[in-house]
Amino acid sequence: MNRSGRSQLALGIILVLIGGWFLLNQTMPEFRNFFEPYTQWPSNLLLIGAGILILGLATGSPGLAVPAAIVAGIGGIFYYQEATGAYDSWSYMWALIPGFVGVGTVLQGLLGENAGYNLKRGLNLMVISAVLFLFFAAFLGGWTILGEFGPAVLLILLGLYVLGKGLYRTFGKRGE
């Protein structure tokens, strides 16, 4: 089966499973009572992300690791906010979403889909996401570990990273 067919199969299975879940939840109180602790907000997003990843593994679609990581990562953010009551942290937590894409891309590469390219791209996304998260957390007052100079230090580090990457590409291609 080609990639498009596997993706369509995976999407069809996801839709059937979600529909079956909703049907059983509405018609069988025992089902609802048994799964109620696991379907509370926001832990249900973590379980949905894990389910998407398992479905991707079962159908041989490593590409489903990316949406699985995004859903589970956003579930983790919401879980943190529910546990701590720090709902204003969303002003800088959104910067982690590209990192979740990076985690999914690394998983996709580890599962065998264009490994070298996906590992490099995923790690790059995770670094950029971490720098953005640290910068916005320091700038918006959510994280003061770097003190009052945090945003400036992070901008300098990001600039050095971009410069180093550009120089590596430039001089790396000369040697080839």
Protein backbone atom coordinates (compact mmCIF):
# COMPACT_ATOMS: atom_id res chain seq x y z
CA MET A 1 0.00 0.00 0.00
CA ASN A 2 1.40 3.41 -0.92
CA ARG A 3 1.83 6.35 1.47
CA SER A 4 -1.42 8.04 0.45
CA GLY A 5 -3.36 4.83 0.97
CA ARG A 6 -1.81 4.30 4.42
CA SER A 7 -2.62 7.84 5.47
CA GLN A 8 -6.20 7.48 4.29
CA LEU A 9 -6.49 4.16 6.09
CA ALA A 10 -5.14 5.71 9.29
CA LEU A 11 -7.53 8.66 9.07
CA GLY A 12 -10.47 6.32 8.45
CA ILE A 13 -9.54 4.19 11.46
CA ILE A 14 -9.20 7.29 13.65
CA LEU A 15 -12.63 8.56 12.60
CA VAL A 16 -14.29 5.17 13.16
CA LEU A 17 -12.68 4.81 16.60
CA ILE A 18 -13.68 8.32 17.68
CA GLY A 19 -17.22 7.78 16.41
CA GLY A 20 -17.43 4.44 18.24
CA TRP A 21 -16.12 6.08 21.40
CA PHE A 22 -18.79 8.80 21.23
CA LEU A 23 -21.53 6.26 20.52
CA LEU A 24 -20.54 4.03 23.46
CA ASN A 25 -20.13 7.06 25.71
CA GLN A 26 -23.70 8.19 24.95
CA THR A 27 -25.42 4.81 25.12
CA MET A 28 -23.60 2.92 27.90
CA PRO A 29 -23.29 4.60 31.32
CA GLU A 30 -20.91 1.83 32.49
CA PHE A 31 -18.52 2.67 29.67
CA ARG A 32 -18.67 6.37 30.54
CA ASN A 33 -18.11 5.71 34.27
CA PHE A 34 -15.16 3.38 33.65
CA PHE A 35 -13.28 5.81 31.39
CA GLU A 36 -14.30 9.04 33.14
CA PRO A 37 -11.01 9.47 35.09
CA TYR A 38 -9.04 9.11 31.85
CA THR A 39 -11.13 11.49 29.80
CA GLN A 40 -10.96 14.51 32.05
CA TRP A 41 -9.64 17.69 30.58
CA PRO A 42 -6.75 17.94 29.63
CA SER A 43 -5.41 14.42 30.09
CA ASN A 44 -7.65 13.32 27.24
CA LEU A 45 -5.41 15.25 24.83
CA LEU A 46 -2.38 13.31 26.06
CA LEU A 47 -4.22 10.04 25.47
CA ILE A 48 -5.40 11.13 22.03
CA GLY A 49 -1.79 11.99 21.08
CA ALA A 50 -0.62 8.58 22.28
CA GLY A 51 -3.45 6.93 20.35
CA ILE A 52 -2.51 8.71 17.14
CA LEU A 53 1.11 7.60 17.55
CA ILE A 54 0.10 3.98 18.21
CA LEU A 55 -2.20 4.07 15.19
CA GLY A 56 0.64 5.41 13.06
CA LEU A 57 2.90 2.61 14.24
CA ALA A 58 0.22 -0.02 13.61
CA THR A 59 -0.51 1.17 10.07
CA GLY A 60 3.11 1.83 9.12
CA SER A 61 2.58 5.58 8.78
CA PRO A 62 5.50 7.27 10.59
CA GLY A 63 4.16 10.65 9.47
CA LEU A 64 1.46 10.42 12.13
CA ALA A 65 4.16 11.01 14.74
CA VAL A 66 4.01 14.75 13.98
CA PRO A 67 0.29 15.31 14.73
CA ALA A 68 0.61 12.92 17.69
CA ALA A 69 3.40 15.03 19.18
CA ILE A 70 1.48 18.27 18.57
CA VAL A 71 -1.72 17.01 20.21
CA ALA A 72 0.12 15.45 23.16
CA GLY A 73 2.32 18.54 23.58
CA ILE A 74 -0.62 20.92 23.65
CA GLY A 75 -2.29 18.53 26.10
CA GLY A 76 0.85 18.77 28.26
CA ILE A 77 0.69 22.58 28.19
CA PHE A 78 -2.97 22.53 29.21
CA TYR A 79 -2.24 19.93 31.90
CA TYR A 80 0.48 22.17 33.34
CA GLN A 81 -1.86 25.15 33.31
CA GLU A 82 -4.67 23.19 35.00
CA ALA A 83 -2.30 21.82 37.67
CA THR A 84 -0.67 25.15 38.50
CA GLY A 85 -3.42 27.61 37.66
CA ALA A 86 -0.89 29.59 35.60
CA TYR A 87 -3.21 30.29 32.68
CA ASP A 88 -1.36 33.47 31.78
CA SER A 89 1.63 31.30 30.81
CA TRP A 90 0.02 30.84 27.39
CA SER A 91 1.58 34.19 26.42
CA TYR A 92 4.90 32.36 26.04
CA MET A 93 3.98 28.63 26.07
CA TRP A 94 2.77 28.81 22.46
CA ALA A 95 6.43 29.00 21.45
CA LEU A 96 6.77 25.30 22.35
CA ILE A 97 4.48 24.21 19.51
CA PRO A 98 7.23 24.28 16.83
CA GLY A 99 9.25 22.13 19.24
CA PHE A 100 6.41 19.62 19.34
CA VAL A 101 6.56 19.52 15.54
CA GLY A 102 10.30 18.94 15.90
CA VAL A 103 9.75 16.06 18.34
CA GLY A 104 7.27 14.48 15.93
CA THR A 105 9.67 14.96 13.03
CA VAL A 106 12.51 13.31 14.97
CA LEU A 107 10.18 10.40 15.83
CA GLN A 108 9.20 10.18 12.18
CA GLY A 109 12.88 9.97 11.23
CA LEU A 110 13.60 7.38 13.92
CA LEU A 111 10.72 5.30 12.61
CA GLY A 112 12.43 5.14 9.24
CA GLU A 113 10.98 7.87 7.05
CA ASN A 114 13.87 9.84 5.51
CA ALA A 115 15.86 9.50 8.72
CA GLY A 116 18.77 11.88 8.14
CA TYR A 117 16.68 14.76 6.84
CA ASN A 118 13.94 14.41 9.46
CA LEU A 119 16.38 14.13 12.37
CA LYS A 120 18.23 17.27 11.27
CA ARG A 121 15.04 19.22 10.61
CA GLY A 122 13.41 18.08 13.85
CA LEU A 123 16.39 18.97 16.02
CA ASN A 124 16.58 22.36 14.31
CA LEU A 125 12.91 23.01 15.12
CA MET A 126 13.40 21.98 18.74
CA VAL A 127 16.35 24.38 19.16
CA ILE A 128 14.44 27.27 17.60
CA SER A 129 11.40 26.51 19.73
CA ALA A 130 13.47 26.34 22.92
CA VAL A 131 15.11 29.69 22.16
CA LEU A 132 11.74 31.29 21.37
CA PHE A 133 10.24 29.84 24.53
CA LEU A 134 13.09 31.08 26.70
CA PHE A 135 13.05 34.51 25.06
CA PHE A 136 9.30 35.05 25.39
CA ALA A 137 9.22 33.60 28.91
CA ALA A 138 12.01 35.94 29.98
CA PHE A 139 10.60 38.93 28.09
CA LEU A 140 7.01 38.49 29.30
CA GLY A 141 8.05 37.85 32.89
CA GLY A 142 7.10 34.21 33.11
CA TRP A 143 10.58 32.96 33.75
CA THR A 144 13.21 35.05 35.53
CA ILE A 145 16.08 32.57 35.78
CA LEU A 146 18.24 34.69 33.45
CA GLY A 147 17.46 37.88 35.36
CA GLU A 148 16.80 41.24 33.78
CA PHE A 149 19.29 40.58 30.98
CA GLY A 150 17.57 37.37 29.87
CA PRO A 151 16.01 38.61 26.63
CA ALA A 152 19.26 40.29 25.53
CA VAL A 153 21.35 37.19 26.28
CA LEU A 154 18.89 34.96 24.44
CA LEU A 155 18.87 37.22 21.39
CA ILE A 156 22.67 37.16 21.32
CA LEU A 157 22.71 33.36 21.60
CA LEU A 158 20.11 33.03 18.83
CA GLY A 159 22.12 35.38 16.63
CA LEU A 160 25.28 33.37 17.24
CA TYR A 161 23.41 30.17 16.38
CA VAL A 162 22.11 31.64 13.11
CA LEU A 163 25.55 33.03 12.22
CA GLY A 164 27.27 29.75 13.03
CA LYS A 165 24.80 27.78 10.98
CA GLY A 166 25.23 30.12 8.01
CA LEU A 167 29.01 30.00 8.23
CA TYR A 168 28.96 26.22 8.50
CA ARG A 169 26.82 25.97 5.38
CA THR A 170 29.05 28.40 3.49
CA PHE A 171 32.39 26.85 4.38
CA GLY A 172 31.06 23.29 4.46
CA LYS A 173 30.06 23.51 0.80
CA ARG A 174 33.49 24.82 -0.23
CA GLY A 175 35.14 21.66 1.04
CA GLU A 176 32.90 19.44 -1.11
